[in-house]
């Protein structure tokens, strides 16, 4: 699943995982948003320019639906 986020949160998530308590502005309601489709994730990802190239940042992870609460 792809997780939509901005480049400033990427390092924190990579180091400590997702922490929903740190969220302040949930665009579509309280939660962490994900999709199994990388193209959908790209539509919602913040874009940024580095060395005159446009990038968008998404995290890819695996979720076991049987262990979701």
Protein backbone atom coordinates (compact mmCIF):
# COMPACT_ATOMS: atom_id res chain seq x y z
CA UNK A 1 0.00 0.00 0.00
CA UNK A 2 1.20 3.49 -0.71
CA UNK A 3 1.05 6.15 1.98
CA UNK A 4 0.69 9.78 1.00
CA UNK A 5 2.91 12.23 2.86
CA UNK A 6 5.21 15.17 2.39
CA UNK A 7 8.98 15.01 2.19
CA UNK A 8 9.46 16.53 5.66
CA UNK A 9 7.70 13.63 7.38
CA UNK A 10 9.50 10.88 5.49
CA UNK A 11 12.56 10.69 7.72
CA UNK A 12 10.53 10.58 10.94
CA UNK A 13 8.28 7.82 9.61
CA UNK A 14 11.28 5.84 8.36
CA UNK A 15 12.96 6.09 11.77
CA UNK A 16 10.03 5.56 14.15
CA UNK A 17 7.05 4.38 12.11
CA UNK A 18 3.63 5.96 11.80
CA UNK A 19 2.49 7.98 14.81
CA UNK A 20 -1.08 9.16 14.33
CA UNK A 21 -0.92 11.25 17.52
CA UNK A 22 1.46 13.66 15.76
CA UNK A 23 -1.15 14.48 13.11
CA UNK A 24 -2.72 17.93 13.17
CA UNK A 25 -4.60 18.40 9.89
CA UNK A 26 -6.30 15.31 8.54
CA UNK A 27 -7.57 16.35 5.12
CA UNK A 28 -10.18 13.58 4.85
CA UNK A 29 -10.81 12.77 8.53
CA UNK A 30 -8.71 11.31 11.35
CA UNK A 31 -6.44 8.51 10.16
CA UNK A 32 -3.55 7.38 7.99
CA UNK A 33 -4.57 7.14 4.35
CA UNK A 34 -3.40 4.36 2.10
CA UNK A 35 -4.12 2.78 -1.25
CA UNK A 36 -2.92 -0.38 -3.00
CA UNK A 37 -2.47 1.63 -6.23
CA UNK A 38 0.76 3.64 -6.67
CA UNK A 39 -0.94 5.83 -9.30
CA UNK A 40 -3.67 6.84 -6.86
CA UNK A 41 -1.03 7.58 -4.23
CA UNK A 42 0.80 9.83 -6.69
CA UNK A 43 -2.38 11.86 -7.26
CA UNK A 44 -2.52 12.77 -3.56
CA UNK A 45 1.22 13.09 -2.88
CA UNK A 46 2.82 16.48 -2.39
CA UNK A 47 5.17 17.26 -5.22
CA UNK A 48 8.54 18.98 -4.89
CA UNK A 49 11.36 20.03 -7.19
CA UNK A 50 14.96 18.88 -6.74
CA UNK A 51 17.66 19.66 -9.30
CA UNK A 52 14.96 20.87 -11.72
CA UNK A 53 13.14 17.52 -11.57
CA UNK A 54 9.61 17.12 -10.15
CA UNK A 55 9.16 14.33 -7.59
CA UNK A 56 6.35 13.06 -5.42
CA UNK A 57 6.95 11.03 -2.30
CA UNK A 58 4.93 8.02 -1.21
CA UNK A 59 5.74 5.26 1.25
CA UNK A 60 5.07 1.69 0.26
CA UNK A 61 4.26 -0.76 3.03
CA UNK A 62 2.53 -4.06 3.62
CA UNK A 63 -0.54 -4.43 5.79
CA UNK A 64 -2.01 -7.67 7.06
CA UNK A 65 -5.78 -7.01 7.10
CA UNK A 66 -6.26 -9.78 9.68
CA UNK A 67 -4.26 -7.85 12.27
CA UNK A 68 -5.94 -4.45 11.75
CA UNK A 69 -7.91 -3.08 14.67
